[in-house]
Protein backbone atom coordinates (compact mmCIF):
# COMPACT_ATOMS: atom_id res chain seq x y z
CA MET A 1 26.62 -111.18 -104.06
CA THR A 2 26.97 -112.83 -100.84
CA SER A 3 28.95 -111.88 -98.10
CA SER A 4 30.07 -113.12 -94.87
CA VAL A 5 28.10 -110.52 -92.65
CA TYR A 6 28.60 -109.86 -88.17
CA ILE A 7 25.50 -109.13 -86.68
CA ALA A 8 26.64 -106.58 -84.24
CA LYS A 9 22.32 -106.04 -83.11
CA ASN A 10 18.46 -106.56 -84.05
CA VAL A 11 17.33 -103.15 -84.72
CA TYR A 12 13.26 -102.44 -84.73
CA GLY A 13 11.67 -104.08 -87.26
CA GLY A 14 13.47 -107.42 -85.54
CA ASP A 15 16.20 -107.04 -88.83
CA GLY A 16 19.74 -107.83 -87.95
CA LEU A 17 21.61 -105.22 -88.26
CA GLY A 18 25.81 -105.67 -89.64
CA ARG A 19 28.02 -103.38 -91.66
CA LEU A 20 29.59 -105.52 -95.15
CA GLY A 21 33.33 -104.41 -96.55
CA ASP A 22 32.95 -101.12 -98.32
CA GLY A 23 30.92 -99.63 -94.78
CA ARG A 24 27.65 -100.14 -95.87
CA VAL A 25 25.34 -100.61 -93.45
CA VAL A 26 23.12 -104.53 -93.59
CA PHE A 27 20.10 -105.46 -92.89
CA VAL A 28 19.82 -108.71 -93.09
CA PRO A 29 15.59 -110.58 -91.79
CA GLY A 30 15.97 -113.47 -89.87
CA ALA A 31 20.30 -112.92 -88.39
CA PHE A 32 20.69 -112.52 -84.48
CA ALA A 33 22.83 -110.17 -82.73
CA GLY A 34 26.31 -111.78 -81.53
CA GLU A 35 25.53 -113.66 -84.94
CA GLN A 36 27.96 -114.30 -88.20
CA VAL A 37 26.23 -115.14 -90.75
CA LYS A 38 26.53 -115.62 -94.78
CA ALA A 39 24.35 -113.15 -96.85
CA GLU A 40 23.51 -112.73 -100.41
CA ILE A 41 22.48 -109.28 -100.83
CA VAL A 42 19.42 -108.44 -102.64
CA GLU A 43 18.33 -104.60 -102.72
CA GLU A 44 20.88 -102.05 -102.64
CA LYS A 45 20.81 -97.95 -102.26
CA ARG A 46 23.48 -95.56 -101.64
CA ASN A 47 23.94 -96.27 -98.31
CA TRP A 48 22.35 -99.66 -97.56
CA VAL A 49 21.76 -102.76 -98.59
CA LYS A 50 18.77 -105.29 -97.52
CA ALA A 51 19.75 -109.25 -97.45
CA LYS A 52 18.56 -112.90 -97.45
CA LEU A 53 19.68 -115.15 -94.64
CA VAL A 54 22.09 -118.01 -96.53
CA ALA A 55 23.97 -120.15 -94.09
CA VAL A 56 24.42 -118.70 -90.15
CA GLU A 57 28.01 -119.28 -89.40
CA ASP A 58 28.55 -118.94 -86.07
CA PRO A 59 24.73 -118.65 -83.94
CA SER A 60 24.42 -116.69 -81.59
CA GLU A 61 23.48 -118.63 -77.53
CA ASP A 62 19.85 -117.66 -77.77
CA ARG A 63 19.23 -118.90 -81.71
CA MET A 64 16.66 -121.58 -81.47
CA ASP A 65 14.82 -123.64 -84.12
CA ALA A 66 11.31 -123.29 -84.04
CA GLY A 67 10.43 -125.22 -87.05
CA ALA A 68 7.53 -124.78 -88.55
CA ASN A 69 5.70 -124.10 -85.92
CA ARG A 70 6.06 -119.80 -87.25
CA ILE A 71 3.63 -117.95 -88.81
CA PRO A 72 4.14 -114.41 -91.41
CA GLY A 73 5.66 -112.04 -88.56
CA MET A 74 7.50 -113.88 -86.29
CA VAL A 75 10.43 -112.25 -86.98
CA TYR A 76 11.79 -113.27 -83.51
CA ALA A 77 10.37 -117.06 -83.77
CA ASP A 78 13.95 -118.37 -83.74
CA LEU A 79 14.96 -116.29 -80.40
CA SER A 80 14.81 -117.37 -77.54
CA PHE A 81 12.03 -115.52 -74.73
CA LYS A 82 14.86 -114.19 -73.32
CA GLY A 83 17.58 -112.89 -76.37
CA GLU A 84 13.44 -111.06 -77.21
CA MET A 85 13.22 -109.44 -74.69
CA LYS A 86 17.23 -108.44 -74.59
CA ALA A 87 16.81 -106.79 -78.11
CA LYS A 88 13.55 -105.46 -77.92
CA GLU A 89 14.63 -103.56 -74.51
CA ALA A 90 17.89 -102.22 -76.27
CA GLN A 91 15.94 -100.95 -79.30
CA LEU A 92 13.75 -99.02 -77.22
CA LYS A 93 16.87 -97.58 -74.37
CA GLU A 94 18.20 -96.62 -77.95
CA PHE A 95 15.20 -94.32 -79.34
CA LEU A 96 15.69 -92.72 -75.94
CA GLU A 97 18.91 -92.04 -76.43
CA ARG A 98 19.31 -91.20 -80.34
CA ASN A 99 16.12 -88.64 -78.74
CA ARG A 100 17.61 -86.95 -76.08
CA ILE A 101 15.23 -87.91 -73.91
CA GLU A 102 16.08 -88.03 -69.84
CA THR A 103 14.66 -91.37 -68.59
CA PRO A 104 14.96 -91.30 -64.79
CA SER A 105 12.97 -94.36 -63.89
CA PHE A 106 13.49 -97.44 -66.22
CA THR A 107 11.68 -100.64 -65.71
CA THR A 108 10.66 -103.84 -67.95
CA ALA A 109 7.44 -105.14 -67.09
CA PRO A 110 7.31 -108.90 -65.72
CA GLU A 111 7.54 -111.06 -68.92
CA THR A 112 3.95 -113.48 -69.65
CA SER A 113 3.88 -116.92 -71.79
CA PRO A 114 5.24 -115.74 -75.54
CA ASP A 115 3.22 -118.25 -76.86
CA HIS A 116 -0.91 -118.49 -77.10
CA TYR A 117 -1.53 -115.25 -76.72
CA ARG A 118 -3.10 -113.34 -78.99
CA ASN A 119 -7.41 -113.28 -78.31
CA LYS A 120 -8.51 -111.41 -81.86
CA ALA A 121 -6.88 -113.15 -85.37
CA VAL A 122 -7.87 -112.24 -88.73
CA TYR A 123 -7.46 -114.67 -90.77
CA HIS A 124 -7.60 -113.59 -94.97
CA PHE A 125 -8.66 -116.61 -97.40
CA ALA A 126 -7.79 -116.37 -101.49
CA ARG A 127 -7.52 -120.08 -103.34
CA GLN A 128 -4.55 -120.87 -104.67
CA ASP A 129 -2.97 -124.13 -106.48
CA GLY A 130 -6.52 -125.52 -106.70
CA LYS A 131 -7.74 -125.27 -102.80
CA TRP A 132 -8.59 -122.12 -100.20
CA ALA A 133 -5.73 -121.41 -97.96
CA ILE A 134 -6.52 -119.67 -95.22
CA GLY A 135 -4.14 -117.99 -92.94
CA TYR A 136 -1.49 -115.15 -92.79
CA ARG A 137 -0.19 -113.16 -95.49
CA GLU A 138 2.82 -112.70 -96.14
CA GLU A 139 5.09 -110.05 -97.37
CA PRO A 140 5.59 -108.64 -99.80
CA SER A 141 4.05 -111.14 -102.27
CA HIS A 142 0.86 -111.53 -100.23
CA ARG A 143 1.13 -115.42 -100.70
CA ILE A 144 -1.50 -116.68 -98.11
CA VAL A 145 0.29 -119.33 -95.73
CA ASP A 146 -2.17 -121.74 -94.81
CA VAL A 147 -2.74 -121.96 -91.08
CA ALA A 148 -3.86 -125.86 -89.54
CA GLU A 149 -2.63 -124.26 -85.77
CA ASP A 150 -1.92 -120.66 -84.76
CA PRO A 151 1.34 -121.00 -82.63
CA LEU A 152 0.42 -116.89 -81.12
CA ALA A 153 -3.46 -117.98 -80.88
CA ARG A 154 -5.45 -118.06 -77.85
CA PRO A 155 -5.43 -122.39 -77.04
CA GLU A 156 -9.98 -121.49 -77.05
CA ILE A 157 -9.81 -120.26 -80.54
CA ASN A 158 -6.91 -123.11 -82.11
CA ALA A 159 -9.23 -125.71 -80.98
CA LYS A 160 -12.08 -123.95 -82.30
CA LEU A 161 -10.19 -123.06 -85.50
CA PRO A 162 -10.71 -126.34 -87.57
CA GLU A 163 -14.39 -126.24 -87.13
CA ILE A 164 -13.98 -122.68 -87.97
CA ARG A 165 -12.10 -122.66 -91.23
CA ARG A 166 -14.62 -125.71 -92.48
CA SER A 167 -16.98 -123.37 -92.58
CA VAL A 168 -15.78 -120.90 -94.09
CA VAL A 169 -14.76 -123.25 -96.93
CA THR A 170 -19.06 -124.35 -96.61
CA LEU A 171 -19.16 -120.89 -97.30
CA LEU A 172 -17.04 -120.01 -100.35
CA THR A 173 -18.14 -123.85 -101.87
CA THR A 174 -21.84 -125.18 -101.64
CA GLY A 175 -25.02 -122.94 -101.90
CA ALA A 176 -26.35 -120.30 -104.68
CA GLN A 177 -23.36 -118.54 -107.04
CA SER A 178 -24.25 -114.46 -105.71
CA VAL A 179 -23.30 -115.88 -102.00
CA ARG A 180 -20.26 -117.94 -102.72
CA LYS A 181 -19.05 -115.26 -104.30
CA SER A 182 -20.36 -112.47 -101.78
CA VAL A 183 -18.30 -114.36 -99.09
CA GLU A 184 -15.15 -114.83 -101.29
CA GLN A 185 -14.97 -110.55 -101.78
CA GLN A 186 -14.89 -110.45 -97.99
CA GLY A 187 -12.03 -112.14 -97.99
CA ASN A 188 -11.39 -112.94 -94.39
CA VAL A 189 -12.55 -114.07 -90.90
CA THR A 190 -11.70 -112.70 -87.72
CA VAL A 191 -12.26 -114.92 -84.91
CA ARG A 192 -12.20 -113.06 -80.46
CA TRP A 193 -11.74 -115.32 -77.87
CA THR A 194 -12.50 -113.32 -74.56
CA GLN A 195 -12.79 -114.47 -71.20
CA ARG A 196 -17.08 -113.48 -71.11
CA SER A 197 -17.91 -114.63 -74.81
CA GLY A 198 -16.08 -117.23 -75.89
CA VAL A 199 -14.81 -117.72 -79.97
CA GLN A 200 -16.80 -115.83 -81.81
CA TRP A 201 -16.24 -115.55 -85.45
CA TRP A 202 -17.10 -113.80 -88.65
CA ILE A 203 -16.22 -113.21 -92.21
CA GLY A 204 -15.26 -109.50 -93.63
CA LYS A 205 -17.72 -106.59 -91.40
CA PRO A 206 -21.21 -107.95 -90.00
CA ARG A 207 -24.21 -106.27 -90.75
CA ASP A 208 -24.80 -105.71 -86.71
CA PRO A 209 -21.54 -105.38 -84.53
CA VAL A 210 -21.13 -108.62 -82.66
CA VAL A 211 -20.61 -107.03 -78.49
CA LEU A 212 -17.28 -109.32 -76.56
CA LYS A 213 -17.41 -108.51 -72.66
CA GLU A 214 -13.89 -108.61 -72.18
CA VAL A 215 -12.55 -108.40 -68.07
CA THR A 216 -9.77 -106.08 -67.28
CA CYS A 217 -8.92 -105.66 -63.32
CA GLY A 218 -12.03 -107.33 -62.31
CA LYS A 219 -14.32 -105.21 -64.39
CA VAL A 220 -16.42 -106.01 -67.28
CA PHE A 221 -16.42 -103.38 -69.96
CA GLU A 222 -18.12 -104.32 -73.41
CA VAL A 223 -16.45 -103.94 -76.83
CA PRO A 224 -18.07 -104.22 -80.41
CA SER A 225 -17.17 -106.77 -83.17
CA ASP A 226 -15.05 -103.59 -84.93
CA GLY A 227 -13.84 -102.00 -81.69
CA PHE A 228 -10.12 -101.95 -80.14
CA TYR A 229 -8.49 -103.86 -77.38
CA GLN A 230 -5.71 -105.25 -76.14
CA VAL A 231 -4.77 -108.64 -77.95
CA ASN A 232 -2.85 -110.11 -75.02
CA PRO A 233 -4.70 -110.34 -72.02
CA GLU A 234 -2.32 -110.60 -69.54
CA MET A 235 0.05 -108.35 -69.85
CA GLY A 236 -2.58 -105.75 -71.34
CA GLU A 237 -3.76 -106.18 -67.70
CA ALA A 238 -0.53 -105.55 -66.63
CA LEU A 239 -0.49 -102.04 -68.62
CA ALA A 240 -3.91 -100.45 -67.35
CA LYS A 241 -3.11 -101.79 -63.45
CA ALA A 242 1.04 -99.25 -64.05
CA VAL A 243 -1.53 -96.45 -65.51
CA VAL A 244 -3.69 -96.53 -62.61
CA GLU A 245 -0.72 -97.46 -60.99
CA GLU A 246 0.90 -94.17 -61.68
CA TYR A 247 -2.53 -92.28 -61.90
CA GLU A 248 -3.03 -92.73 -58.69
CA LYS A 249 0.78 -91.79 -57.54
CA GLY A 250 -0.44 -87.93 -58.85
CA ARG A 251 -4.29 -87.95 -58.10
CA ASP A 252 -3.59 -85.20 -55.15
CA ALA A 253 -2.85 -82.64 -57.92
CA ALA A 254 -3.64 -83.93 -61.13
CA PRO A 255 -7.69 -86.11 -59.51
CA GLU A 256 -9.04 -85.51 -63.21
CA VAL A 257 -8.67 -87.46 -66.31
CA VAL A 258 -8.78 -86.92 -70.04
CA ASP A 259 -9.03 -89.21 -71.57
CA LEU A 260 -7.95 -88.77 -75.48
CA TYR A 261 -7.61 -91.55 -77.54
CA CYS A 262 -9.54 -93.66 -75.23
CA GLY A 263 -11.65 -96.44 -77.65
CA VAL A 264 -13.90 -98.01 -75.02
CA GLY A 265 -12.85 -96.40 -71.88
CA VAL A 266 -10.88 -99.20 -69.90
CA PHE A 267 -8.42 -96.36 -68.79
CA GLY A 268 -9.92 -93.56 -67.89
CA LEU A 269 -12.74 -96.13 -66.32
CA LEU A 270 -11.00 -97.54 -64.55
CA CYS A 271 -8.86 -95.05 -62.81
CA ARG A 272 -12.69 -93.70 -61.22
CA PRO A 273 -11.76 -89.68 -61.19
CA GLY A 274 -14.65 -87.24 -60.01
CA ARG A 275 -14.44 -85.73 -63.90
CA LEU A 276 -13.40 -87.58 -66.56
CA THR A 277 -14.04 -87.00 -70.07
CA GLY A 278 -13.39 -89.17 -73.31
CA VAL A 279 -12.22 -88.63 -76.65
CA GLU A 280 -12.55 -90.92 -79.77
CA SER A 281 -13.57 -90.66 -83.14
CA GLY A 282 -14.87 -93.67 -83.63
CA ARG A 283 -18.38 -93.09 -82.54
CA GLN A 284 -19.27 -96.81 -81.78
CA ALA A 285 -16.58 -96.99 -80.05
CA VAL A 286 -18.22 -93.83 -77.87
CA ASP A 287 -21.72 -95.10 -77.36
CA PHE A 288 -19.70 -98.29 -76.06
CA ALA A 289 -17.46 -96.24 -73.37
CA ARG A 290 -20.86 -94.64 -72.46
CA ARG A 291 -22.69 -97.82 -72.04
CA ASN A 292 -19.43 -99.27 -69.34
CA ALA A 293 -19.11 -95.83 -67.75
CA GLU A 294 -23.11 -96.70 -66.98
CA ALA A 295 -22.64 -100.33 -66.17
CA GLN A 296 -20.04 -99.51 -63.27
CA SER A 297 -21.71 -97.26 -62.56
CA VAL A 298 -18.63 -94.07 -62.76
CA ALA A 299 -20.48 -91.21 -62.51
CA GLY A 300 -19.28 -87.25 -64.45
CA ALA A 301 -17.96 -89.70 -67.00
CA LYS A 302 -18.48 -87.31 -70.52
CA PHE A 303 -17.25 -89.33 -74.34
CA TYR A 304 -17.36 -87.87 -77.21
CA ALA A 305 -17.19 -88.73 -80.55
CA GLU A 306 -15.16 -86.66 -82.61
CA GLU A 307 -11.34 -86.59 -84.21
CA VAL A 308 -8.56 -85.58 -81.03
CA GLY A 309 -6.84 -83.18 -82.94
CA ARG A 310 -10.12 -80.85 -83.95
CA ASN A 311 -11.40 -81.00 -80.19
CA VAL A 312 -8.06 -80.99 -78.28
CA ARG A 313 -8.08 -76.75 -77.42
CA ARG A 314 -11.62 -77.51 -75.73
CA LEU A 315 -10.31 -80.04 -74.00
CA PRO A 316 -10.72 -78.41 -69.71
CA LEU A 317 -6.78 -79.39 -69.90
CA ASN A 318 -6.65 -77.56 -66.93
CA SER A 319 -4.60 -77.53 -63.13
CA ARG A 320 -6.23 -80.22 -62.05
CA ALA A 321 -6.23 -82.72 -65.15
CA CYS A 322 -4.31 -86.15 -65.69
CA VAL A 323 -4.39 -86.59 -69.32
CA ILE A 324 -3.85 -90.23 -70.89
CA VAL A 325 -3.04 -90.50 -74.41
CA ASP A 326 -3.18 -93.51 -76.11
CA PRO A 327 -2.96 -93.18 -79.52
CA PRO A 328 -3.26 -95.14 -83.39
CA ARG A 329 0.31 -95.99 -84.30
CA GLY A 330 0.63 -92.99 -86.52
CA GLY A 331 1.16 -91.45 -82.86
CA MET A 332 -0.93 -88.09 -81.92
CA GLU A 333 -2.22 -85.57 -85.23
CA PRO A 334 0.99 -82.55 -85.39
CA ASN A 335 -1.00 -80.59 -83.29
CA VAL A 336 -2.46 -82.52 -80.11
CA PRO A 337 1.91 -82.78 -78.21
CA LYS A 338 1.71 -79.25 -79.08
CA ALA A 339 -1.26 -78.10 -78.03
CA LEU A 340 -0.41 -80.73 -74.81
CA ALA A 341 2.45 -78.37 -73.99
CA GLU A 342 1.12 -74.98 -74.28
CA SER A 343 -2.08 -76.44 -71.57
CA LYS A 344 -1.89 -76.02 -67.94
CA ALA A 345 -2.75 -79.95 -67.29
CA PRO A 346 0.31 -81.19 -64.25
CA ARG A 347 0.90 -84.67 -65.68
CA ILE A 348 0.60 -86.54 -68.61
CA ILE A 349 0.43 -90.67 -68.55
CA TYR A 350 1.64 -91.70 -73.02
CA VAL A 351 0.59 -94.71 -73.93
CA SER A 352 2.16 -96.48 -77.03
CA CYS A 353 2.41 -98.50 -79.91
CA ASP A 354 5.18 -97.13 -81.79
CA PRO A 355 8.49 -96.24 -80.86
CA ALA A 356 9.47 -93.65 -83.58
CA THR A 357 5.72 -92.36 -83.96
CA LEU A 358 6.66 -91.95 -79.17
CA MET A 359 9.69 -90.13 -79.45
CA ARG A 360 8.89 -87.50 -82.04
CA ASP A 361 5.76 -86.65 -79.82
CA LEU A 362 8.08 -86.88 -76.79
CA LYS A 363 10.17 -84.72 -78.38
CA THR A 364 7.64 -81.66 -78.54
CA LEU A 365 5.94 -82.45 -75.02
CA ALA A 366 9.89 -82.39 -74.12
CA ARG A 367 9.77 -78.55 -74.07
CA ALA A 368 7.02 -78.45 -71.12
CA TYR A 369 7.43 -81.92 -69.41
CA ALA A 370 10.32 -84.14 -68.07
CA VAL A 371 10.18 -87.86 -68.49
CA GLU A 372 8.82 -89.43 -64.93
CA SER A 373 9.28 -92.82 -65.80
CA VAL A 374 9.37 -95.37 -68.56
CA ARG A 375 7.45 -98.82 -68.26
CA TRP A 376 8.02 -100.79 -71.49
CA PHE A 377 5.99 -104.37 -72.85
CA ASN A 378 5.96 -107.40 -74.35
CA MET A 379 2.61 -106.83 -75.82
CA PHE A 380 3.70 -108.47 -79.18
CA PRO A 381 5.98 -111.73 -77.85
CA ARG A 382 7.78 -113.24 -81.05
CA THR A 383 6.78 -109.86 -83.15
CA ALA A 384 8.81 -107.15 -83.76
CA ARG A 385 6.05 -104.49 -82.09
CA PHE A 386 5.87 -103.97 -77.81
CA GLU A 387 4.01 -101.42 -76.28
CA THR A 388 5.54 -98.84 -73.74
CA LEU A 389 4.26 -97.15 -71.10
CA VAL A 390 5.61 -93.24 -70.31
CA VAL A 391 4.80 -90.79 -67.40
CA LEU A 392 5.49 -86.55 -67.56
CA SER A 393 5.89 -84.49 -65.05
CA ARG A 394 5.02 -80.60 -66.00
CA ARG A 395 8.38 -78.79 -65.69
CA VAL A 396 8.74 -76.21 -62.59
């Protein structure tokens, strides 16, 4: 069934949201706020439906045509960058309002380039239609969209991509059958670029980790090949500066740093506190955090390879602690926000890549903390995701 639908807004994830004549909510991927579209229903639930965009009857002033310059995941490929920024800001504000999170200060980080920003790309490969395809998987089919040029990858990666693609195909088609089979089973090639290390690439998981050197806020950080680092260097720099800035504002009241989900130690080490305690579940990341602390001569830094949820009650969450948290997309383990709320730490700086889990954690933290400020960063332009920085202070 095809219906004419007015799109009221774009929800988190990128789908346009409207209503059918019977009142049911309809989600239309590829449709944008303010548009009148024709959509064909492809999935029906009791209170909502999913539809496929058939035609744009009245386009938004922010609509543009990206043509072939798109890859899977680019939900805002056909929306101007101004329109994308507006949509994402509205989504975050709606999350805050729906969860009744009071925000005395709400700001947007400065914009950076919406294209060619990613310093990391993972391309899958498989034999399709009689030839090898190397690129991104398309959902929900998992079919690989061949990528000869990546609109989101750094220019340095794109310059090397033809050579990398040729090398992968050579490994898949020549030499001993056992080797070819082994390469095929690994199924993907990772390409990374850093200012210091240039372009590096590897198939599957490297037997010996590739050590990369990143530069943030003028400091060099060593990162293992499978270690986390922000994929957008310019916006990652802006985020790191903001974390340090917020720490400095409260340094007198909370000079010590407890850095949870610390990775290779970036935020904590950049703050250069007198006492730094970092916790990260990945043992290899912790080894590199220690190496980075030593290389940067940050005395008093201790890093522990443990799950935060298992360790939180033993951490120095005292009245002098500023807690920095940067959890994965799933947010903090359920007991961690509760432990923080019951602690004596006067300040929390929360970095989040998922607004839904951020709101869940903030509701628990709100028992003891008030939100000082919210700042968001369009860390992943053209995609659905963004990063949020929330500063909390203990209620008196």
